[in-house]
Amino acid sequence: VKTAMEKHISLNFDIFDEEGVEKLAVESDRAPMKLRLVHKSPPVICVENFFTPEECAEYIGLSEPSSDEGVLEVQSKTFA
């Protein structure tokens, strides 16, 4: 992962062990983040356990339009 990402973005790899597992999470009650290289060129990484289950639920709730709002619009250069 480190070699694939070095020319693209800077990540603090010091917080991960040689297997890509977060070191400091052992001291907390949440699951450790884990880096996984999905594709080398272009580099695509997956960060497992990036959000806690509670954070995931909150973001999912934000993405669901209320009955008052109708259609959810996304304004992004990625999505047309």
PDB file of N, CA and C in Angstrom:
ATOM      1  N   VAL A   1       0.843  -1.190   0.000  1.00  0.00           N
ATOM      2  CA  VAL A   1       0.000   0.000   0.000  1.00  0.00           C
ATOM      3  C   VAL A   1       0.883   1.245   0.000  1.00  0.00           C
ATOM      4  N   LYS A   2       1.880   1.263   0.841  1.00  0.00           N
ATOM      5  CA  LYS A   2       2.742   2.436   0.967  1.00  0.00           C
ATOM      6  C   LYS A   2       3.422   2.770  -0.362  1.00  0.00           C
ATOM      7  N   THR A   3       3.969   1.786  -1.036  1.00  0.00           N
ATOM      8  CA  THR A   3       4.646   2.006  -2.310  1.00  0.00           C
ATOM      9  C   THR A   3       3.663   2.488  -3.375  1.00  0.00           C
ATOM     10  N   ALA A   4       2.488   1.917  -3.412  1.00  0.00           N
ATOM     11  CA  ALA A   4       1.492   2.292  -4.411  1.00  0.00           C
ATOM     12  C   ALA A   4       0.993   3.717  -4.222  1.00  0.00           C
ATOM     13  N   MET A   5       0.949   4.192  -2.976  1.00  0.00           N
ATOM     14  CA  MET A   5       0.376   5.502  -2.691  1.00  0.00           C
ATOM     15  C   MET A   5       1.399   6.639  -2.630  1.00  0.00           C
ATOM     16  N   GLU A   6       2.689   6.344  -2.570  1.00  0.00           N
ATOM     17  CA  GLU A   6       3.689   7.369  -2.291  1.00  0.00           C
ATOM     18  C   GLU A   6       3.715   8.538  -3.276  1.00  0.00           C
ATOM     19  N   LYS A   7       3.344   8.339  -4.522  1.00  0.00           N
ATOM     20  CA  LYS A   7       3.363   9.421  -5.508  1.00  0.00           C
ATOM     21  C   LYS A   7       2.007  10.119  -5.637  1.00  0.00           C
ATOM     22  N   HIS A   8       1.024   9.692  -4.860  1.00  0.00           N
ATOM     23  CA  HIS A   8      -0.338  10.197  -5.036  1.00  0.00           C
ATOM     24  C   HIS A   8      -0.849  11.017  -3.853  1.00  0.00           C
ATOM     25  N   ILE A   9      -0.853  10.450  -2.681  1.00  0.00           N
ATOM     26  CA  ILE A   9      -1.286  11.174  -1.483  1.00  0.00           C
ATOM     27  C   ILE A   9      -0.383  10.788  -0.327  1.00  0.00           C
ATOM     28  N   SER A  10      -0.308  11.662   0.651  1.00  0.00           N
ATOM     29  CA  SER A  10       0.504  11.333   1.821  1.00  0.00           C
ATOM     30  C   SER A  10      -0.409  10.778   2.911  1.00  0.00           C
ATOM     31  N   LEU A  11      -0.028   9.648   3.425  1.00  0.00           N
ATOM     32  CA  LEU A  11      -0.732   9.026   4.551  1.00  0.00           C
ATOM     33  C   LEU A  11       0.266   8.843   5.678  1.00  0.00           C
ATOM     34  N   ASN A  12      -0.199   8.918   6.901  1.00  0.00           N
ATOM     35  CA  ASN A  12       0.661   8.667   8.049  1.00  0.00           C
ATOM     36  C   ASN A  12       0.730   7.154   8.275  1.00  0.00           C
ATOM     37  N   PHE A  13       1.675   6.530   7.611  1.00  0.00           N
ATOM     38  CA  PHE A  13       1.805   5.081   7.714  1.00  0.00           C
ATOM     39  C   PHE A  13       2.384   4.644   9.053  1.00  0.00           C
ATOM     40  N   ASP A  14       2.869   5.604   9.850  1.00  0.00           N
ATOM     41  CA  ASP A  14       3.429   5.266  11.159  1.00  0.00           C
ATOM     42  C   ASP A  14       2.381   4.696  12.109  1.00  0.00           C
ATOM     43  N   ILE A  15       1.113   4.984  11.860  1.00  0.00           N
ATOM     44  CA  ILE A  15       0.067   4.482  12.762  1.00  0.00           C
ATOM     45  C   ILE A  15      -0.375   3.062  12.413  1.00  0.00           C
ATOM     46  N   PHE A  16       0.205   2.491  11.330  1.00  0.00           N
ATOM     47  CA  PHE A  16      -0.140   1.135  10.902  1.00  0.00           C
ATOM     48  C   PHE A  16       1.068   0.216  11.046  1.00  0.00           C
ATOM     49  N   ASP A  17       0.812  -1.044  11.369  1.00  0.00           N
ATOM     50  CA  ASP A  17       1.901  -2.005  11.438  1.00  0.00           C
ATOM     51  C   ASP A  17       2.243  -2.499  10.034  1.00  0.00           C
ATOM     52  N   GLU A  18       3.156  -3.458   9.940  1.00  0.00           N
ATOM     53  CA  GLU A  18       3.605  -3.954   8.635  1.00  0.00           C
ATOM     54  C   GLU A  18       2.504  -4.686   7.865  1.00  0.00           C
ATOM     55  N   GLU A  19       1.442  -5.091   8.543  1.00  0.00           N
ATOM     56  CA  GLU A  19       0.307  -5.744   7.894  1.00  0.00           C
ATOM     57  C   GLU A  19      -0.787  -4.752   7.497  1.00  0.00           C
ATOM     58  N   GLY A  20      -0.571  -3.458   7.803  1.00  0.00           N
ATOM     59  CA  GLY A  20      -1.560  -2.431   7.476  1.00  0.00           C
ATOM     60  C   GLY A  20      -2.647  -2.267   8.516  1.00  0.00           C
ATOM     61  N   VAL A  21      -2.442  -2.828   9.708  1.00  0.00           N
ATOM     62  CA  VAL A  21      -3.430  -2.737  10.788  1.00  0.00           C
ATOM     63  C   VAL A  21      -3.038  -1.581  11.714  1.00  0.00           C
ATOM     64  N   GLU A  22      -4.020  -0.768  12.080  1.00  0.00           N
ATOM     65  CA  GLU A  22      -3.791   0.377  12.960  1.00  0.00           C
ATOM     66  C   GLU A  22      -3.243  -0.076  14.309  1.00  0.00           C
ATOM     67  N   LYS A  23      -2.167   0.545  14.755  1.00  0.00           N
ATOM     68  CA  LYS A  23      -1.521   0.174  16.020  1.00  0.00           C
ATOM     69  C   LYS A  23      -2.289   0.677  17.244  1.00  0.00           C
ATOM     70  N   LEU A  24      -2.725   1.919  17.227  1.00  0.00           N
ATOM     71  CA  LEU A  24      -3.315   2.532  18.414  1.00  0.00           C
ATOM     72  C   LEU A  24      -4.719   2.047  18.743  1.00  0.00           C
ATOM     73  N   ALA A  25      -5.399   1.445  17.809  1.00  0.00           N
ATOM     74  CA  ALA A  25      -6.767   0.998  18.058  1.00  0.00           C
ATOM     75  C   ALA A  25      -6.815  -0.093  19.118  1.00  0.00           C
ATOM     76  N   VAL A  26      -5.717  -0.769  19.338  1.00  0.00           N
ATOM     77  CA  VAL A  26      -5.659  -1.814  20.368  1.00  0.00           C
ATOM     78  C   VAL A  26      -5.980  -1.215  21.725  1.00  0.00           C
ATOM     79  N   GLU A  27      -5.633   0.052  21.909  1.00  0.00           N
ATOM     80  CA  GLU A  27      -5.862   0.731  23.186  1.00  0.00           C
ATOM     81  C   GLU A  27      -7.279   1.269  23.328  1.00  0.00           C
ATOM     82  N   SER A  28      -8.071   1.218  22.267  1.00  0.00           N
ATOM     83  CA  SER A  28      -9.439   1.738  22.326  1.00  0.00           C
ATOM     84  C   SER A  28     -10.444   0.596  22.223  1.00  0.00           C
ATOM     85  N   ASP A  29     -11.715   0.949  22.299  1.00  0.00           N
ATOM     86  CA  ASP A  29     -12.755  -0.081  22.250  1.00  0.00           C
ATOM     87  C   ASP A  29     -13.334  -0.278  20.853  1.00  0.00           C
ATOM     88  N   ARG A  30     -12.760   0.358  19.842  1.00  0.00           N
ATOM     89  CA  ARG A  30     -13.257   0.185  18.482  1.00  0.00           C
ATOM     90  C   ARG A  30     -12.326  -0.733  17.694  1.00  0.00           C
ATOM     91  N   ALA A  31     -12.832  -1.258  16.608  1.00  0.00           N
ATOM     92  CA  ALA A  31     -12.026  -2.135  15.762  1.00  0.00           C
ATOM     93  C   ALA A  31     -10.934  -1.308  15.076  1.00  0.00           C
ATOM     94  N   PRO A  32      -9.746  -1.871  14.906  1.00  0.00           N
ATOM     95  CA  PRO A  32      -8.671  -1.111  14.264  1.00  0.00           C
ATOM     96  C   PRO A  32      -8.931  -0.923  12.769  1.00  0.00           C
ATOM     97  N   MET A  33      -8.472   0.220  12.253  1.00  0.00           N
ATOM     98  CA  MET A  33      -8.534   0.428  10.814  1.00  0.00           C
ATOM     99  C   MET A  33      -7.524  -0.503  10.161  1.00  0.00           C
ATOM    100  N   LYS A  34      -7.828  -0.910   8.931  1.00  0.00           N
ATOM    101  CA  LYS A  34      -6.910  -1.773   8.204  1.00  0.00           C
ATOM    102  C   LYS A  34      -6.853  -1.320   6.758  1.00  0.00           C
ATOM    103  N   LEU A  35      -5.637  -1.142   6.248  1.00  0.00           N
ATOM    104  CA  LEU A  35      -5.434  -0.740   4.861  1.00  0.00           C
ATOM    105  C   LEU A  35      -5.360  -1.975   3.975  1.00  0.00           C
ATOM    106  N   ARG A  36      -6.024  -1.892   2.825  1.00  0.00           N
ATOM    107  CA  ARG A  36      -5.977  -2.997   1.868  1.00  0.00           C
ATOM    108  C   ARG A  36      -5.861  -2.399   0.473  1.00  0.00           C
ATOM    109  N   LEU A  37      -4.866  -2.830  -0.286  1.00  0.00           N
ATOM    110  CA  LEU A  37      -4.687  -2.365  -1.652  1.00  0.00           C
ATOM    111  C   LEU A  37      -5.648  -3.127  -2.552  1.00  0.00           C
ATOM    112  N   VAL A  38      -6.547  -2.394  -3.199  1.00  0.00           N
ATOM    113  CA  VAL A  38      -7.543  -3.001  -4.084  1.00  0.00           C
ATOM    114  C   VAL A  38      -7.017  -3.043  -5.511  1.00  0.00           C
ATOM    115  N   HIS A  39      -6.329  -1.966  -5.923  1.00  0.00           N
ATOM    116  CA  HIS A  39      -5.793  -1.879  -7.283  1.00  0.00           C
ATOM    117  C   HIS A  39      -4.509  -1.067  -7.228  1.00  0.00           C
ATOM    118  N   LYS A  40      -3.463  -1.546  -7.925  1.00  0.00           N
ATOM    119  CA  LYS A  40      -2.163  -0.883  -7.837  1.00  0.00           C
ATOM    120  C   LYS A  40      -2.045   0.336  -8.740  1.00  0.00           C
ATOM    121  N   SER A  41      -2.535   0.252  -9.985  1.00  0.00           N
ATOM    122  CA  SER A  41      -2.396   1.375 -10.913  1.00  0.00           C
ATOM    123  C   SER A  41      -3.666   1.538 -11.725  1.00  0.00           C
ATOM    124  N   PRO A  42      -4.431   2.585 -11.459  1.00  0.00           N
ATOM    125  CA  PRO A  42      -4.192   3.604 -10.449  1.00  0.00           C
ATOM    126  C   PRO A  42      -4.431   3.026  -9.051  1.00  0.00           C
ATOM    127  N   PRO A  43      -3.759   3.603  -8.059  1.00  0.00           N
ATOM    128  CA  PRO A  43      -3.896   3.037  -6.718  1.00  0.00           C
ATOM    129  C   PRO A  43      -5.281   3.281  -6.120  1.00  0.00           C
ATOM    130  N   VAL A  44      -5.839   2.197  -5.618  1.00  0.00           N
ATOM    131  CA  VAL A  44      -7.129   2.253  -4.930  1.00  0.00           C
ATOM    132  C   VAL A  44      -6.949   1.488  -3.623  1.00  0.00           C
ATOM    133  N   ILE A  45      -7.244   2.150  -2.507  1.00  0.00           N
ATOM    134  CA  ILE A  45      -7.124   1.473  -1.223  1.00  0.00           C
ATOM    135  C   ILE A  45      -8.484   1.431  -0.531  1.00  0.00           C
ATOM    136  N   CYS A  46      -8.643   0.421   0.260  1.00  0.00           N
ATOM    137  CA  CYS A  46      -9.823   0.286   1.113  1.00  0.00           C
ATOM    138  C   CYS A  46      -9.326   0.461   2.546  1.00  0.00           C
ATOM    139  N   VAL A  47     -10.030   1.285   3.304  1.00  0.00           N
ATOM    140  CA  VAL A  47      -9.697   1.455   4.715  1.00  0.00           C
ATOM    141  C   VAL A  47     -10.844   0.855   5.513  1.00  0.00           C
ATOM    142  N   GLU A  48     -10.646  -0.371   5.957  1.00  0.00           N
ATOM    143  CA  GLU A  48     -11.674  -1.054   6.737  1.00  0.00           C
ATOM    144  C   GLU A  48     -11.777  -0.413   8.120  1.00  0.00           C
ATOM    145  N   ASN A  49     -12.991  -0.345   8.644  1.00  0.00           N
ATOM    146  CA  ASN A  49     -13.275   0.225   9.967  1.00  0.00           C
ATOM    147  C   ASN A  49     -12.901   1.701  10.067  1.00  0.00           C
ATOM    148  N   PHE A  50     -13.005   2.428   8.943  1.00  0.00           N
ATOM    149  CA  PHE A  50     -12.714   3.862   8.948  1.00  0.00           C
ATOM    150  C   PHE A  50     -13.727   4.599   9.816  1.00  0.00           C
ATOM    151  N   PHE A  51     -14.998   4.213   9.710  1.00  0.00           N
ATOM    152  CA  PHE A  51     -16.058   4.768  10.544  1.00  0.00           C
ATOM    153  C   PHE A  51     -16.516   3.719  11.545  1.00  0.00           C
ATOM    154  N   THR A  52     -16.957   4.161  12.699  1.00  0.00           N
ATOM    155  CA  THR A  52     -17.574   3.252  13.668  1.00  0.00           C
ATOM    156  C   THR A  52     -18.979   2.922  13.161  1.00  0.00           C
ATOM    157  N   PRO A  53     -19.620   1.874  13.676  1.00  0.00           N
ATOM    158  CA  PRO A  53     -20.998   1.581  13.261  1.00  0.00           C
ATOM    159  C   PRO A  53     -21.944   2.757  13.520  1.00  0.00           C
ATOM    160  N   GLU A  54     -21.711   3.489  14.604  1.00  0.00           N
ATOM    161  CA  GLU A  54     -22.553   4.652  14.908  1.00  0.00           C
ATOM    162  C   GLU A  54     -22.362   5.761  13.869  1.00  0.00           C
ATOM    163  N   GLU A  55     -21.118   5.996  13.477  1.00  0.00           N
ATOM    164  CA  GLU A  55     -20.844   7.005  12.444  1.00  0.00           C
ATOM    165  C   GLU A  55     -21.458   6.603  11.110  1.00  0.00           C
ATOM    166  N   CYS A  56     -21.383   5.323  10.775  1.00  0.00           N
ATOM    167  CA  CYS A  56     -22.001   4.830   9.534  1.00  0.00           C
ATOM    168  C   CYS A  56     -23.500   5.102   9.540  1.00  0.00           C
ATOM    169  N   ALA A  57     -24.151   4.791  10.654  1.00  0.00           N
ATOM    170  CA  ALA A  57     -25.593   5.014  10.758  1.00  0.00           C
ATOM    171  C   ALA A  57     -25.928   6.495  10.601  1.00  0.00           C
ATOM    172  N   GLU A  58     -25.084   7.350  11.176  1.00  0.00           N
ATOM    173  CA  GLU A  58     -25.324   8.792  11.063  1.00  0.00           C
ATOM    174  C   GLU A  58     -25.204   9.259   9.611  1.00  0.00           C
ATOM    175  N   TYR A  59     -24.167   8.806   8.902  1.00  0.00           N
ATOM    176  CA  TYR A  59     -23.996   9.204   7.500  1.00  0.00           C
ATOM    177  C   TYR A  59     -25.098   8.633   6.614  1.00  0.00           C
ATOM    178  N   ILE A  60     -25.512   7.417   6.882  1.00  0.00           N
ATOM    179  CA  ILE A  60     -26.624   6.836   6.115  1.00  0.00           C
ATOM    180  C   ILE A  60     -27.884   7.655   6.342  1.00  0.00           C
ATOM    181  N   GLY A  61     -28.121   8.056   7.587  1.00  0.00           N
ATOM    182  CA  GLY A  61     -29.279   8.892   7.896  1.00  0.00           C
ATOM    183  C   GLY A  61     -29.236  10.224   7.185  1.00  0.00           C
ATOM    184  N   LEU A  62     -28.044  10.805   7.047  1.00  0.00           N
ATOM    185  CA  LEU A  62     -27.912  12.077   6.335  1.00  0.00           C
ATOM    186  C   LEU A  62     -28.210  11.933   4.843  1.00  0.00           C
ATOM    187  N   SER A  63     -27.973  10.750   4.310  1.00  0.00           N
ATOM    188  CA  SER A  63     -28.164  10.550   2.871  1.00  0.00           C
ATOM    189  C   SER A  63     -29.607  10.222   2.499  1.00  0.00           C
ATOM    190  N   GLU A  64     -30.423   9.910   3.488  1.00  0.00           N
ATOM    191  CA  GLU A  64     -31.813   9.560   3.222  1.00  0.00           C
ATOM    192  C   GLU A  64     -32.687  10.813   3.332  1.00  0.00           C
ATOM    193  N   PRO A  65     -33.351  11.170   2.229  1.00  0.00           N
ATOM    194  CA  PRO A  65     -34.187  12.374   2.288  1.00  0.00           C
ATOM    195  C   PRO A  65     -35.392  12.159   3.195  1.00  0.00           C
ATOM    196  N   SER A  66     -35.760  13.195   3.903  1.00  0.00           N
ATOM    197  CA  SER A  66     -36.975  13.099   4.708  1.00  0.00           C
ATOM    198  C   SER A  66     -38.173  13.236   3.776  1.00  0.00           C
ATOM    199  N   SER A  67     -39.338  12.913   4.258  1.00  0.00           N
ATOM    200  CA  SER A  67     -40.539  13.000   3.410  1.00  0.00           C
ATOM    201  C   SER A  67     -40.816  14.437   2.991  1.00  0.00           C
ATOM    202  N   ASP A  68     -40.315  15.402   3.754  1.00  0.00           N
ATOM    203  CA  ASP A  68     -40.493  16.820   3.414  1.00  0.00           C
ATOM    204  C   ASP A  68     -39.604  17.245   2.251  1.00  0.00           C
ATOM    205  N   GLU A  69     -38.442  16.609   2.127  1.00  0.00           N
ATOM    206  CA  GLU A  69     -37.446  17.051   1.157  1.00  0.00           C
ATOM    207  C   GLU A  69     -37.646  16.484  -0.238  1.00  0.00           C
ATOM    208  N   GLY A  70     -38.234  15.323  -0.372  1.00  0.00           N
ATOM    209  CA  GLY A  70     -38.400  14.720  -1.691  1.00  0.00           C
ATOM    210  C   GLY A  70     -37.116  14.077  -2.172  1.00  0.00           C
ATOM    211  N   VAL A  71     -36.626  14.478  -3.327  1.00  0.00           N
ATOM    212  CA  VAL A  71     -35.460  13.861  -3.955  1.00  0.00           C
ATOM    213  C   VAL A  71     -34.172  14.410  -3.337  1.00  0.00           C
ATOM    214  N   LEU A  72     -33.229  13.515  -3.113  1.00  0.00           N
ATOM    215  CA  LEU A  72     -31.928  13.910  -2.605  1.00  0.00           C
ATOM    216  C   LEU A  72     -31.038  14.281  -3.779  1.00  0.00           C
ATOM    217  N   GLU A  73     -30.497  15.504  -3.787  1.00  0.00           N
ATOM    218  CA  GLU A  73     -29.604  15.943  -4.845  1.00  0.00           C
ATOM    219  C   GLU A  73     -28.175  15.937  -4.340  1.00  0.00           C
ATOM    220  N   VAL A  74     -27.272  15.442  -5.193  1.00  0.00           N
ATOM    221  CA  VAL A  74     -25.852  15.418  -4.868  1.00  0.00           C
ATOM    222  C   VAL A  74     -25.155  16.385  -5.797  1.00  0.00           C
ATOM    223  N   GLN A  75     -24.451  17.350  -5.231  1.00  0.00           N
ATOM    224  CA  GLN A  75     -23.692  18.297  -6.033  1.00  0.00           C
ATOM    225  C   GLN A  75     -22.231  17.937  -5.899  1.00  0.00           C
ATOM    226  N   SER A  76     -21.707  17.315  -6.960  1.00  0.00           N
ATOM    227  CA  SER A  76     -20.344  16.837  -6.931  1.00  0.00           C
ATOM    228  C   SER A  76     -19.798  16.810  -8.347  1.00  0.00           C
ATOM    229  N   LYS A  77     -18.508  17.078  -8.490  1.00  0.00           N
ATOM    230  CA  LYS A  77     -17.855  16.987  -9.791  1.00  0.00           C
ATOM    231  C   LYS A  77     -17.765  15.531 -10.241  1.00  0.00           C
ATOM    232  N   THR A  78     -17.842  14.622  -9.287  1.00  0.00           N
ATOM    233  CA  THR A  78     -17.746  13.199  -9.607  1.00  0.00           C
ATOM    234  C   THR A  78     -19.038  12.673 -10.189  1.00  0.00           C
ATOM    235  N   PHE A  79     -20.167  13.146  -9.679  1.00  0.00           N
ATOM    236  CA  PHE A  79     -21.472  12.687 -10.132  1.00  0.00           C
ATOM    237  C   PHE A  79     -22.137  13.744 -10.986  1.00  0.00           C
ATOM    238  N   ALA A  80     -22.628  13.335 -12.135  1.00  0.00           N
ATOM    239  CA  ALA A  80     -23.292  14.301 -13.028  1.00  0.00           C
ATOM    240  C   ALA A  80     -24.792  14.232 -12.843  1.00  0.00           C
TER     241      ALA A  80
END
